[in-house]
Amino acid sequence: MELTELKILLQLPESETSNDAYLEMKLGEAIDWVVRVCGQSFLVNDKLMLPRVAKGVVAQYVAFELQGNHGIKSESIAGMSQTFDSINERDSALISKLSQARLRKMRFTPYKRGYNYGTY
């Protein structure tokens, strides 16, 4: 996934380049998160090939980071209130999307009496 594709998914003008360095950094962070959560590399012939659902999750991850309200659940100032998603809620929702698309790999972990299985 390239920066131009991320900008399209976020509906940002391609000509606006003032935040490109930050977007590149967050794009890499989001891709690393998706790869780690899914337990697979998505590499085909040494090229990253994310499925459409994973690209959407990457864009949602970056969009949340752009909001800048990390960890704030709600705030109230002079009778006005706002509610934001927390990082844990974001992660749970995005993991659910990846699971529904069957992009998360199962792994087996040993325990005392045999094997237990679960997802990352």
PDB file of N, CA and C in Angstrom:
ATOM      1  N   MET A   1       0.852  -1.171   0.000  1.00  0.00           N
ATOM      2  CA  MET A   1       0.000   0.000   0.000  1.00  0.00           C
ATOM      3  C   MET A   1       0.896   1.232   0.000  1.00  0.00           C
ATOM      4  N   GLU A   2       0.592   2.140  -0.870  1.00  0.00           N
ATOM      5  CA  GLU A   2       1.388   3.351  -1.020  1.00  0.00           C
ATOM      6  C   GLU A   2       0.645   4.553  -0.440  1.00  0.00           C
ATOM      7  N   LEU A   3       1.372   5.640  -0.272  1.00  0.00           N
ATOM      8  CA  LEU A   3       0.798   6.870   0.277  1.00  0.00           C
ATOM      9  C   LEU A   3      -0.350   7.390  -0.582  1.00  0.00           C
ATOM     10  N   THR A   4      -0.223   7.301  -1.899  1.00  0.00           N
ATOM     11  CA  THR A   4      -1.293   7.802  -2.775  1.00  0.00           C
ATOM     12  C   THR A   4      -2.595   7.039  -2.540  1.00  0.00           C
ATOM     13  N   GLU A   5      -2.496   5.736  -2.345  1.00  0.00           N
ATOM     14  CA  GLU A   5      -3.693   4.929  -2.082  1.00  0.00           C
ATOM     15  C   GLU A   5      -4.301   5.284  -0.721  1.00  0.00           C
ATOM     16  N   LEU A   6      -3.443   5.525   0.270  1.00  0.00           N
ATOM     17  CA  LEU A   6      -3.937   5.945   1.578  1.00  0.00           C
ATOM     18  C   LEU A   6      -4.680   7.270   1.480  1.00  0.00           C
ATOM     19  N   LYS A   7      -4.129   8.212   0.732  1.00  0.00           N
ATOM     20  CA  LYS A   7      -4.783   9.516   0.571  1.00  0.00           C
ATOM     21  C   LYS A   7      -6.146   9.373  -0.104  1.00  0.00           C
ATOM     22  N   ILE A   8      -6.247   8.476  -1.061  1.00  0.00           N
ATOM     23  CA  ILE A   8      -7.536   8.240  -1.720  1.00  0.00           C
ATOM     24  C   ILE A   8      -8.543   7.696  -0.712  1.00  0.00           C
ATOM     25  N   LEU A   9      -8.126   6.708   0.087  1.00  0.00           N
ATOM     26  CA  LEU A   9      -9.028   6.117   1.075  1.00  0.00           C
ATOM     27  C   LEU A   9      -9.434   7.115   2.154  1.00  0.00           C
ATOM     28  N   LEU A  10      -8.545   8.035   2.488  1.00  0.00           N
ATOM     29  CA  LEU A  10      -8.847   9.054   3.504  1.00  0.00           C
ATOM     30  C   LEU A  10      -9.506  10.289   2.897  1.00  0.00           C
ATOM     31  N   GLN A  11      -9.671  10.286   1.570  1.00  0.00           N
ATOM     32  CA  GLN A  11     -10.253  11.409   0.841  1.00  0.00           C
ATOM     33  C   GLN A  11      -9.465  12.702   1.072  1.00  0.00           C
ATOM     34  N   LEU A  12      -8.134  12.560   1.009  1.00  0.00           N
ATOM     35  CA  LEU A  12      -7.240  13.709   1.115  1.00  0.00           C
ATOM     36  C   LEU A  12      -6.755  14.069  -0.280  1.00  0.00           C
ATOM     37  N   PRO A  13      -6.630  15.354  -0.596  1.00  0.00           N
ATOM     38  CA  PRO A  13      -6.136  15.735  -1.922  1.00  0.00           C
ATOM     39  C   PRO A  13      -4.676  15.300  -2.106  1.00  0.00           C
ATOM     40  N   GLU A  14      -4.405  14.685  -3.229  1.00  0.00           N
ATOM     41  CA  GLU A  14      -3.049  14.209  -3.511  1.00  0.00           C
ATOM     42  C   GLU A  14      -2.062  15.369  -3.601  1.00  0.00           C
ATOM     43  N   SER A  15      -2.553  16.541  -3.998  1.00  0.00           N
ATOM     44  CA  SER A  15      -1.680  17.705  -4.139  1.00  0.00           C
ATOM     45  C   SER A  15      -1.234  18.269  -2.792  1.00  0.00           C
ATOM     46  N   GLU A  16      -1.943  17.962  -1.721  1.00  0.00           N
ATOM     47  CA  GLU A  16      -1.576  18.430  -0.375  1.00  0.00           C
ATOM     48  C   GLU A  16      -0.455  17.539   0.160  1.00  0.00           C
ATOM     49  N   THR A  17       0.732  18.078   0.268  1.00  0.00           N
ATOM     50  CA  THR A  17       1.892  17.276   0.647  1.00  0.00           C
ATOM     51  C   THR A  17       2.512  17.679   1.979  1.00  0.00           C
ATOM     52  N   SER A  18       1.917  18.641   2.680  1.00  0.00           N
ATOM     53  CA  SER A  18       2.532  19.142   3.910  1.00  0.00           C
ATOM     54  C   SER A  18       2.596  18.090   5.017  1.00  0.00           C
ATOM     55  N   ASN A  19       1.692  17.111   5.016  1.00  0.00           N
ATOM     56  CA  ASN A  19       1.676  16.067   6.047  1.00  0.00           C
ATOM     57  C   ASN A  19       2.183  14.725   5.548  1.00  0.00           C
ATOM     58  N   ASP A  20       2.791  14.681   4.378  1.00  0.00           N
ATOM     59  CA  ASP A  20       3.193  13.404   3.786  1.00  0.00           C
ATOM     60  C   ASP A  20       4.158  12.610   4.667  1.00  0.00           C
ATOM     61  N   ALA A  21       5.114  13.266   5.291  1.00  0.00           N
ATOM     62  CA  ALA A  21       6.077  12.548   6.137  1.00  0.00           C
ATOM     63  C   ALA A  21       5.356  11.884   7.308  1.00  0.00           C
ATOM     64  N   TYR A  22       4.438  12.615   7.930  1.00  0.00           N
ATOM     65  CA  TYR A  22       3.664  12.066   9.045  1.00  0.00           C
ATOM     66  C   TYR A  22       2.769  10.919   8.564  1.00  0.00           C
ATOM     67  N   LEU A  23       2.112  11.109   7.425  1.00  0.00           N
ATOM     68  CA  LEU A  23       1.249  10.060   6.882  1.00  0.00           C
ATOM     69  C   LEU A  23       2.044   8.798   6.549  1.00  0.00           C
ATOM     70  N   GLU A  24       3.233   8.968   5.994  1.00  0.00           N
ATOM     71  CA  GLU A  24       4.107   7.821   5.680  1.00  0.00           C
ATOM     72  C   GLU A  24       4.449   7.052   6.955  1.00  0.00           C
ATOM     73  N   MET A  25       4.768   7.785   8.019  1.00  0.00           N
ATOM     74  CA  MET A  25       5.117   7.149   9.276  1.00  0.00           C
ATOM     75  C   MET A  25       3.910   6.384   9.837  1.00  0.00           C
ATOM     76  N   LYS A  26       2.745   7.004   9.824  1.00  0.00           N
ATOM     77  CA  LYS A  26       1.537   6.358  10.341  1.00  0.00           C
ATOM     78  C   LYS A  26       1.097   5.201   9.444  1.00  0.00           C
ATOM     79  N   LEU A  27       1.324   5.314   8.144  1.00  0.00           N
ATOM     80  CA  LEU A  27       1.013   4.217   7.226  1.00  0.00           C
ATOM     81  C   LEU A  27       1.846   2.989   7.579  1.00  0.00           C
ATOM     82  N   GLY A  28       3.141   3.184   7.786  1.00  0.00           N
ATOM     83  CA  GLY A  28       4.008   2.070   8.177  1.00  0.00           C
ATOM     84  C   GLY A  28       3.594   1.460   9.502  1.00  0.00           C
ATOM     85  N   GLU A  29       3.236   2.311  10.457  1.00  0.00           N
ATOM     86  CA  GLU A  29       2.790   1.847  11.770  1.00  0.00           C
ATOM     87  C   GLU A  29       1.512   1.021  11.634  1.00  0.00           C
ATOM     88  N   ALA A  30       0.577   1.493  10.830  1.00  0.00           N
ATOM     89  CA  ALA A  30      -0.693   0.790  10.644  1.00  0.00           C
ATOM     90  C   ALA A  30      -0.490  -0.552   9.941  1.00  0.00           C
ATOM     91  N   ILE A  31       0.366  -0.573   8.932  1.00  0.00           N
ATOM     92  CA  ILE A  31       0.640  -1.838   8.231  1.00  0.00           C
ATOM     93  C   ILE A  31       1.296  -2.826   9.182  1.00  0.00           C
ATOM     94  N   ASP A  32       2.265  -2.364   9.977  1.00  0.00           N
ATOM     95  CA  ASP A  32       2.903  -3.252  10.960  1.00  0.00           C
ATOM     96  C   ASP A  32       1.875  -3.819  11.929  1.00  0.00           C
ATOM     97  N   TRP A  33       0.925  -2.989  12.362  1.00  0.00           N
ATOM     98  CA  TRP A  33      -0.104  -3.430  13.292  1.00  0.00           C
ATOM     99  C   TRP A  33      -0.974  -4.513  12.649  1.00  0.00           C
ATOM    100  N   VAL A  34      -1.399  -4.297  11.405  1.00  0.00           N
ATOM    101  CA  VAL A  34      -2.240  -5.279  10.699  1.00  0.00           C
ATOM    102  C   VAL A  34      -1.486  -6.589  10.508  1.00  0.00           C
ATOM    103  N   VAL A  35      -0.224  -6.520  10.110  1.00  0.00           N
ATOM    104  CA  VAL A  35       0.590  -7.723   9.913  1.00  0.00           C
ATOM    105  C   VAL A  35       0.711  -8.495  11.228  1.00  0.00           C
ATOM    106  N   ARG A  36       0.965  -7.775  12.315  1.00  0.00           N
ATOM    107  CA  ARG A  36       1.113  -8.407  13.630  1.00  0.00           C
ATOM    108  C   ARG A  36      -0.207  -9.037  14.092  1.00  0.00           C
ATOM    109  N   VAL A  37      -1.312  -8.331  13.938  1.00  0.00           N
ATOM    110  CA  VAL A  37      -2.617  -8.842  14.374  1.00  0.00           C
ATOM    111  C   VAL A  37      -3.035 -10.052  13.543  1.00  0.00           C
ATOM    112  N   CYS A  38      -2.753 -10.011  12.255  1.00  0.00           N
ATOM    113  CA  CYS A  38      -3.159 -11.112  11.370  1.00  0.00           C
ATOM    114  C   CYS A  38      -2.220 -12.306  11.448  1.00  0.00           C
ATOM    115  N   GLY A  39      -1.001 -12.089  11.905  1.00  0.00           N
ATOM    116  CA  GLY A  39      -0.054 -13.191  12.004  1.00  0.00           C
ATOM    117  C   GLY A  39       0.436 -13.680  10.661  1.00  0.00           C
ATOM    118  N   GLN A  40       0.462 -12.799   9.676  1.00  0.00           N
ATOM    119  CA  GLN A  40       0.985 -13.145   8.360  1.00  0.00           C
ATOM    120  C   GLN A  40       1.628 -11.913   7.734  1.00  0.00           C
ATOM    121  N   SER A  41       2.497 -12.139   6.766  1.00  0.00           N
ATOM    122  CA  SER A  41       3.286 -11.030   6.220  1.00  0.00           C
ATOM    123  C   SER A  41       2.644 -10.344   5.022  1.00  0.00           C
ATOM    124  N   PHE A  42       1.759 -11.008   4.311  1.00  0.00           N
ATOM    125  CA  PHE A  42       1.123 -10.479   3.098  1.00  0.00           C
ATOM    126  C   PHE A  42       2.149 -10.179   1.999  1.00  0.00           C
ATOM    127  N   LEU A  43       3.301 -10.826   2.048  1.00  0.00           N
ATOM    128  CA  LEU A  43       4.310 -10.637   1.015  1.00  0.00           C
ATOM    129  C   LEU A  43       4.105 -11.646  -0.105  1.00  0.00           C
ATOM    130  N   VAL A  44       4.081 -11.147  -1.321  1.00  0.00           N
ATOM    131  CA  VAL A  44       4.015 -11.988  -2.514  1.00  0.00           C
ATOM    132  C   VAL A  44       5.159 -11.529  -3.417  1.00  0.00           C
ATOM    133  N   ASN A  45       6.106 -12.425  -3.655  1.00  0.00           N
ATOM    134  CA  ASN A  45       7.303 -12.081  -4.442  1.00  0.00           C
ATOM    135  C   ASN A  45       7.982 -10.826  -3.892  1.00  0.00           C
ATOM    136  N   ASP A  46       8.144 -10.787  -2.576  1.00  0.00           N
ATOM    137  CA  ASP A  46       8.796  -9.682  -1.861  1.00  0.00           C
ATOM    138  C   ASP A  46       8.076  -8.344  -2.009  1.00  0.00           C
ATOM    139  N   LYS A  47       6.794  -8.379  -2.346  1.00  0.00           N
ATOM    140  CA  LYS A  47       5.997  -7.156  -2.447  1.00  0.00           C
ATOM    141  C   LYS A  47       4.784  -7.285  -1.541  1.00  0.00           C
ATOM    142  N   LEU A  48       4.511  -6.232  -0.770  1.00  0.00           N
ATOM    143  CA  LEU A  48       3.371  -6.232   0.128  1.00  0.00           C
ATOM    144  C   LEU A  48       2.077  -6.189  -0.677  1.00  0.00           C
ATOM    145  N   MET A  49       1.211  -7.186  -0.484  1.00  0.00           N
ATOM    146  CA  MET A  49      -0.054  -7.274  -1.195  1.00  0.00           C
ATOM    147  C   MET A  49      -1.181  -7.415  -0.167  1.00  0.00           C
ATOM    148  N   LEU A  50      -1.655  -6.280   0.335  1.00  0.00           N
ATOM    149  CA  LEU A  50      -2.738  -6.299   1.312  1.00  0.00           C
ATOM    150  C   LEU A  50      -4.079  -6.505   0.617  1.00  0.00           C
ATOM    151  N   PRO A  51      -4.934  -7.363   1.175  1.00  0.00           N
ATOM    152  CA  PRO A  51      -6.297  -7.475   0.658  1.00  0.00           C
ATOM    153  C   PRO A  51      -7.054  -6.163   0.892  1.00  0.00           C
ATOM    154  N   ARG A  52      -8.143  -5.969   0.166  1.00  0.00           N
ATOM    155  CA  ARG A  52      -8.918  -4.723   0.282  1.00  0.00           C
ATOM    156  C   ARG A  52      -9.368  -4.436   1.703  1.00  0.00           C
ATOM    157  N   VAL A  53      -9.830  -5.466   2.400  1.00  0.00           N
ATOM    158  CA  VAL A  53     -10.291  -5.260   3.779  1.00  0.00           C
ATOM    159  C   VAL A  53      -9.143  -4.754   4.649  1.00  0.00           C
ATOM    160  N   ALA A  54      -7.967  -5.336   4.477  1.00  0.00           N
ATOM    161  CA  ALA A  54      -6.808  -4.915   5.268  1.00  0.00           C
ATOM    162  C   ALA A  54      -6.417  -3.474   4.938  1.00  0.00           C
ATOM    163  N   LYS A  55      -6.538  -3.085   3.672  1.00  0.00           N
ATOM    164  CA  LYS A  55      -6.253  -1.696   3.296  1.00  0.00           C
ATOM    165  C   LYS A  55      -7.229  -0.739   3.966  1.00  0.00           C
ATOM    166  N   GLY A  56      -8.485  -1.130   4.021  1.00  0.00           N
ATOM    167  CA  GLY A  56      -9.483  -0.311   4.695  1.00  0.00           C
ATOM    168  C   GLY A  56      -9.184  -0.173   6.179  1.00  0.00           C
ATOM    169  N   VAL A  57      -8.736  -1.260   6.794  1.00  0.00           N
ATOM    170  CA  VAL A  57      -8.376  -1.229   8.208  1.00  0.00           C
ATOM    171  C   VAL A  57      -7.178  -0.318   8.427  1.00  0.00           C
ATOM    172  N   VAL A  58      -6.194  -0.394   7.546  1.00  0.00           N
ATOM    173  CA  VAL A  58      -5.030   0.485   7.632  1.00  0.00           C
ATOM    174  C   VAL A  58      -5.478   1.948   7.558  1.00  0.00           C
ATOM    175  N   ALA A  59      -6.361   2.264   6.628  1.00  0.00           N
ATOM    176  CA  ALA A  59      -6.845   3.643   6.480  1.00  0.00           C
ATOM    177  C   ALA A  59      -7.608   4.090   7.721  1.00  0.00           C
ATOM    178  N   GLN A  60      -8.427   3.207   8.303  1.00  0.00           N
ATOM    179  CA  GLN A  60      -9.162   3.567   9.519  1.00  0.00           C
ATOM    180  C   GLN A  60      -8.211   3.790  10.691  1.00  0.00           C
ATOM    181  N   TYR A  61      -7.179   2.981  10.769  1.00  0.00           N
ATOM    182  CA  TYR A  61      -6.171   3.137  11.821  1.00  0.00           C
ATOM    183  C   TYR A  61      -5.521   4.518  11.704  1.00  0.00           C
ATOM    184  N   VAL A  62      -5.109   4.876  10.490  1.00  0.00           N
ATOM    185  CA  VAL A  62      -4.456   6.173  10.269  1.00  0.00           C
ATOM    186  C   VAL A  62      -5.439   7.314  10.524  1.00  0.00           C
ATOM    187  N   ALA A  63      -6.682   7.169  10.099  1.00  0.00           N
ATOM    188  CA  ALA A  63      -7.688   8.210  10.322  1.00  0.00           C
ATOM    189  C   ALA A  63      -7.859   8.480  11.813  1.00  0.00           C
ATOM    190  N   PHE A  64      -7.866   7.436  12.616  1.00  0.00           N
ATOM    191  CA  PHE A  64      -7.978   7.601  14.062  1.00  0.00           C
ATOM    192  C   PHE A  64      -6.764   8.354  14.598  1.00  0.00           C
ATOM    193  N   GLU A  65      -5.585   8.008  14.104  1.00  0.00           N
ATOM    194  CA  GLU A  65      -4.362   8.687  14.544  1.00  0.00           C
ATOM    195  C   GLU A  65      -4.393  10.168  14.171  1.00  0.00           C
ATOM    196  N   LEU A  66      -4.989  10.498  13.043  1.00  0.00           N
ATOM    197  CA  LEU A  66      -5.068  11.892  12.604  1.00  0.00           C
ATOM    198  C   LEU A  66      -6.013  12.714  13.478  1.00  0.00           C
ATOM    199  N   GLN A  67      -6.965  12.065  14.141  1.00  0.00           N
ATOM    200  CA  GLN A  67      -7.892  12.776  15.012  1.00  0.00           C
ATOM    201  C   GLN A  67      -7.180  13.393  16.205  1.00  0.00           C
ATOM    202  N   GLY A  68      -6.153  12.726  16.703  1.00  0.00           N
ATOM    203  CA  GLY A  68      -5.358  13.273  17.795  1.00  0.00           C
ATOM    204  C   GLY A  68      -6.011  13.220  19.156  1.00  0.00           C
ATOM    205  N   ASN A  69      -7.039  12.424  19.343  1.00  0.00           N
ATOM    206  CA  ASN A  69      -7.728  12.325  20.630  1.00  0.00           C
ATOM    207  C   ASN A  69      -7.433  10.984  21.292  1.00  0.00           C
ATOM    208  N   HIS A  70      -6.190  10.597  21.347  1.00  0.00           N
ATOM    209  CA  HIS A  70      -5.811   9.270  21.809  1.00  0.00           C
ATOM    210  C   HIS A  70      -6.141   9.054  23.274  1.00  0.00           C
ATOM    211  N   GLY A  71      -6.909   8.023  23.534  1.00  0.00           N
ATOM    212  CA  GLY A  71      -7.220   7.639  24.886  1.00  0.00           C
ATOM    213  C   GLY A  71      -8.327   8.445  25.543  1.00  0.00           C
ATOM    214  N   ILE A  72      -8.837   9.464  24.897  1.00  0.00           N
ATOM    215  CA  ILE A  72      -9.897  10.272  25.487  1.00  0.00           C
ATOM    216  C   ILE A  72     -11.232   9.601  25.186  1.00  0.00           C
ATOM    217  N   LYS A  73     -11.960   9.260  26.222  1.00  0.00           N
ATOM    218  CA  LYS A  73     -13.270   8.656  26.017  1.00  0.00           C
ATOM    219  C   LYS A  73     -14.336   9.738  25.897  1.00  0.00           C
ATOM    220  N   SER A  74     -14.292  10.723  26.784  1.00  0.00           N
ATOM    221  CA  SER A  74     -15.225  11.833  26.674  1.00  0.00           C
ATOM    222  C   SER A  74     -14.683  13.035  27.436  1.00  0.00           C
ATOM    223  N   GLU A  75     -15.159  14.212  27.061  1.00  0.00           N
ATOM    224  CA  GLU A  75     -14.773  15.426  27.762  1.00  0.00           C
ATOM    225  C   GLU A  75     -15.962  16.378  27.762  1.00  0.00           C
ATOM    226  N   SER A  76     -16.006  17.217  28.780  1.00  0.00           N
ATOM    227  CA  SER A  76     -17.093  18.176  28.900  1.00  0.00           C
ATOM    228  C   SER A  76     -16.513  19.523  29.296  1.00  0.00           C
ATOM    229  N   ILE A  77     -16.866  20.557  28.526  1.00  0.00           N
ATOM    230  CA  ILE A  77     -16.385  21.901  28.794  1.00  0.00           C
ATOM    231  C   ILE A  77     -17.571  22.850  28.701  1.00  0.00           C
ATOM    232  N   ALA A  78     -17.845  23.548  29.785  1.00  0.00           N
ATOM    233  CA  ALA A  78     -18.907  24.557  29.827  1.00  0.00           C
ATOM    234  C   ALA A  78     -20.229  24.058  29.241  1.00  0.00           C
ATOM    235  N   GLY A  79     -20.648  22.880  29.669  1.00  0.00           N
ATOM    236  CA  GLY A  79     -21.937  22.363  29.231  1.00  0.00           C
ATOM    237  C   GLY A  79     -21.925  21.663  27.887  1.00  0.00           C
ATOM    238  N   MET A  80     -20.831  21.716  27.152  1.00  0.00           N
ATOM    239  CA  MET A  80     -20.713  21.006  25.878  1.00  0.00           C
ATOM    240  C   MET A  80     -19.891  19.744  26.117  1.00  0.00           C
ATOM    241  N   SER A  81     -20.286  18.646  25.497  1.00  0.00           N
ATOM    242  CA  SER A  81     -19.527  17.414  25.692  1.00  0.00           C
ATOM    243  C   SER A  81     -19.241  16.756  24.357  1.00  0.00           C
ATOM    244  N   GLN A  82     -18.134  16.026  24.341  1.00  0.00           N
ATOM    245  CA  GLN A  82     -17.730  15.258  23.167  1.00  0.00           C
ATOM    246  C   GLN A  82     -17.321  13.875  23.634  1.00  0.00           C
ATOM    247  N   THR A  83     -17.542  12.877  22.796  1.00  0.00           N
ATOM    248  CA  THR A  83     -17.128  11.518  23.092  1.00  0.00           C
ATOM    249  C   THR A  83     -16.276  11.011  21.934  1.00  0.00           C
ATOM    250  N   PHE A  84     -15.174  10.409  22.259  1.00  0.00           N
ATOM    251  CA  PHE A  84     -14.251   9.865  21.261  1.00  0.00           C
ATOM    252  C   PHE A  84     -14.059   8.383  21.533  1.00  0.00           C
ATOM    253  N   ASP A  85     -13.691   7.653  20.515  1.00  0.00           N
ATOM    254  CA  ASP A  85     -13.338   6.254  20.703  1.00  0.00           C
ATOM    255  C   ASP A  85     -11.984   6.175  21.384  1.00  0.00           C
ATOM    256  N   SER A  86     -11.813   5.189  22.248  1.00  0.00           N
ATOM    257  CA  SER A  86     -10.512   4.971  22.853  1.00  0.00           C
ATOM    258  C   SER A  86      -9.684   4.085  21.921  1.00  0.00           C
ATOM    259  N   ILE A  87      -8.402   4.004  22.191  1.00  0.00           N
ATOM    260  CA  ILE A  87      -7.523   3.162  21.376  1.00  0.00           C
ATOM    261  C   ILE A  87      -7.958   1.707  21.464  1.00  0.00           C
ATOM    262  N   ASN A  88      -8.350   1.261  22.664  1.00  0.00           N
ATOM    263  CA  ASN A  88      -8.794  -0.128  22.825  1.00  0.00           C
ATOM    264  C   ASN A  88     -10.047  -0.413  22.014  1.00  0.00           C
ATOM    265  N   GLU A  89     -10.975   0.530  21.983  1.00  0.00           N
ATOM    266  CA  GLU A  89     -12.191   0.343  21.184  1.00  0.00           C
ATOM    267  C   GLU A  89     -11.863   0.308  19.703  1.00  0.00           C
ATOM    268  N   ARG A  90     -10.953   1.194  19.274  1.00  0.00           N
ATOM    269  CA  ARG A  90     -10.528   1.186  17.872  1.00  0.00           C
ATOM    270  C   ARG A  90      -9.914  -0.155  17.522  1.00  0.00           C
ATOM    271  N   ASP A  91      -8.987  -0.619  18.354  1.00  0.00           N
ATOM    272  CA  ASP A  91      -8.307  -1.883  18.072  1.00  0.00           C
ATOM    273  C   ASP A  91      -9.296  -3.040  18.020  1.00  0.00           C
ATOM    274  N   SER A  92     -10.235  -3.077  18.954  1.00  0.00           N
ATOM    275  CA  SER A  92     -11.223  -4.163  18.969  1.00  0.00           C
ATOM    276  C   SER A  92     -12.072  -4.156  17.702  1.00  0.00           C
ATOM    277  N   ALA A  93     -12.499  -2.982  17.281  1.00  0.00           N
ATOM    278  CA  ALA A  93     -13.325  -2.879  16.073  1.00  0.00           C
ATOM    279  C   ALA A  93     -12.538  -3.297  14.830  1.00  0.00           C
ATOM    280  N   LEU A  94     -11.290  -2.872  14.740  1.00  0.00           N
ATOM    281  CA  LEU A  94     -10.480  -3.217  13.570  1.00  0.00           C
ATOM    282  C   LEU A  94     -10.106  -4.693  13.566  1.00  0.00           C
ATOM    283  N   ILE A  95      -9.817  -5.245  14.723  1.00  0.00           N
ATOM    284  CA  ILE A  95      -9.520  -6.676  14.820  1.00  0.00           C
ATOM    285  C   ILE A  95     -10.749  -7.484  14.415  1.00  0.00           C
ATOM    286  N   SER A  96     -11.913  -7.030  14.813  1.00  0.00           N
ATOM    287  CA  SER A  96     -13.150  -7.709  14.429  1.00  0.00           C
ATOM    288  C   SER A  96     -13.317  -7.734  12.911  1.00  0.00           C
ATOM    289  N   LYS A  97     -13.028  -6.611  12.252  1.00  0.00           N
ATOM    290  CA  LYS A  97     -13.111  -6.573  10.779  1.00  0.00           C
ATOM    291  C   LYS A  97     -12.146  -7.558  10.143  1.00  0.00           C
ATOM    292  N   LEU A  98     -10.916  -7.617  10.663  1.00  0.00           N
ATOM    293  CA  LEU A  98      -9.923  -8.546  10.120  1.00  0.00           C
ATOM    294  C   LEU A  98     -10.341  -9.995  10.362  1.00  0.00           C
ATOM    295  N   SER A  99     -10.938 -10.257  11.515  1.00  0.00           N
ATOM    296  CA  SER A  99     -11.408 -11.615  11.830  1.00  0.00           C
ATOM    297  C   SER A  99     -12.567 -12.017  10.929  1.00  0.00           C
ATOM    298  N   GLN A 100     -13.513 -11.110  10.723  1.00  0.00           N
ATOM    299  CA  GLN A 100     -14.661 -11.412   9.865  1.00  0.00           C
ATOM    300  C   GLN A 100     -14.220 -11.686   8.429  1.00  0.00           C
ATOM    301  N   ALA A 101     -13.147 -11.039   8.002  1.00  0.00           N
ATOM    302  CA  ALA A 101     -12.618 -11.271   6.659  1.00  0.00           C
ATOM    303  C   ALA A 101     -11.701 -12.499   6.614  1.00  0.00           C
ATOM    304  N   ARG A 102     -11.570 -13.168   7.743  1.00  0.00           N
ATOM    305  CA  ARG A 102     -10.739 -14.376   7.871  1.00  0.00           C
ATOM    306  C   ARG A 102      -9.277 -14.125   7.498  1.00  0.00           C
ATOM    307  N   LEU A 103      -8.787 -12.966   7.898  1.00  0.00           N
ATOM    308  CA  LEU A 103      -7.388 -12.635   7.628  1.00  0.00           C
ATOM    309  C   LEU A 103      -6.471 -12.970   8.800  1.00  0.00           C
ATOM    310  N   ARG A 104      -7.052 -13.303   9.942  1.00  0.00           N
ATOM    311  CA  ARG A 104      -6.249 -13.652  11.104  1.00  0.00           C
ATOM    312  C   ARG A 104      -5.966 -15.144  11.086  1.00  0.00           C
ATOM    313  N   LYS A 105      -4.717 -15.491  11.314  1.00  0.00           N
ATOM    314  CA  LYS A 105      -4.288 -16.887  11.300  1.00  0.00           C
ATOM    315  C   LYS A 105      -4.394 -17.487  12.691  1.00  0.00           C
ATOM    316  N   MET A 106      -4.764 -18.758  12.723  1.00  0.00           N
ATOM    317  CA  MET A 106      -4.827 -19.491  13.988  1.00  0.00           C
ATOM    318  C   MET A 106      -3.426 -19.954  14.359  1.00  0.00           C
ATOM    319  N   ARG A 107      -3.187 -20.046  15.648  1.00  0.00           N
ATOM    320  CA  ARG A 107      -1.926 -20.623  16.093  1.00  0.00           C
ATOM    321  C   ARG A 107      -2.216 -21.545  17.272  1.00  0.00           C
ATOM    322  N   PHE A 108      -1.375 -22.518  17.447  1.00  0.00           N
ATOM    323  CA  PHE A 108      -1.530 -23.465  18.534  1.00  0.00           C
ATOM    324  C   PHE A 108      -0.487 -23.164  19.598  1.00  0.00           C
ATOM    325  N   THR A 109      -0.941 -23.125  20.832  1.00  0.00           N
ATOM    326  CA  THR A 109      -0.021 -22.872  21.937  1.00  0.00           C
ATOM    327  C   THR A 109      -0.122 -24.038  22.908  1.00  0.00           C
ATOM    328  N   PRO A 110       1.025 -24.593  23.281  1.00  0.00           N
ATOM    329  CA  PRO A 110       0.983 -25.734  24.193  1.00  0.00           C
ATOM    330  C   PRO A 110       0.593 -25.297  25.603  1.00  0.00           C
ATOM    331  N   TYR A 111      -0.095 -26.177  26.296  1.00  0.00           N
ATOM    332  CA  TYR A 111      -0.345 -25.990  27.718  1.00  0.00           C
ATOM    333  C   TYR A 111      -0.206 -27.343  28.388  1.00  0.00           C
ATOM    334  N   LYS A 112      -0.413 -27.450  29.661  1.00  0.00           N
ATOM    335  CA  LYS A 112      -0.084 -28.654  30.434  1.00  0.00           C
ATOM    336  C   LYS A 112      -0.650 -29.953  29.863  1.00  0.00           C
ATOM    337  N   ARG A 113      -1.900 -29.954  29.419  1.00  0.00           N
ATOM    338  CA  ARG A 113      -2.543 -31.200  28.977  1.00  0.00           C
ATOM    339  C   ARG A 113      -2.884 -31.175  27.501  1.00  0.00           C
ATOM    340  N   GLY A 114      -1.955 -30.955  26.646  1.00  0.00           N
ATOM    341  CA  GLY A 114      -2.224 -30.990  25.224  1.00  0.00           C
ATOM    342  C   GLY A 114      -2.021 -29.622  24.583  1.00  0.00           C
ATOM    343  N   TYR A 115      -2.879 -29.313  23.643  1.00  0.00           N
ATOM    344  CA  TYR A 115      -2.749 -28.060  22.909  1.00  0.00           C
ATOM    345  C   TYR A 115      -4.014 -27.228  23.016  1.00  0.00           C
ATOM    346  N   ASN A 116      -3.819 -25.972  23.110  1.00  0.00           N
ATOM    347  CA  ASN A 116      -4.903 -25.010  23.131  1.00  0.00           C
ATOM    348  C   ASN A 116      -4.765 -24.189  21.851  1.00  0.00           C
ATOM    349  N   TYR A 117      -5.848 -23.817  21.229  1.00  0.00           N
ATOM    350  CA  TYR A 117      -5.727 -23.001  20.034  1.00  0.00           C
ATOM    351  C   TYR A 117      -6.513 -21.726  20.182  1.00  0.00           C
ATOM    352  N   GLY A 118      -6.071 -20.738  19.447  1.00  0.00           N
ATOM    353  CA  GLY A 118      -6.718 -19.436  19.476  1.00  0.00           C
ATOM    354  C   GLY A 118      -6.092 -18.542  18.435  1.00  0.00           C
ATOM    355  N   THR A 119      -6.598 -17.353  18.331  1.00  0.00           N
ATOM    356  CA  THR A 119      -6.031 -16.417  17.365  1.00  0.00           C
ATOM    357  C   THR A 119      -5.131 -15.451  18.078  1.00  0.00           C
ATOM    358  N   TYR A 120      -4.313 -14.773  17.318  1.00  0.00           N
ATOM    359  CA  TYR A 120      -3.427 -13.750  17.873  1.00  0.00           C
ATOM    360  C   TYR A 120      -4.243 -12.676  18.499  1.00  0.00           C
TER     361      TYR A 120
END
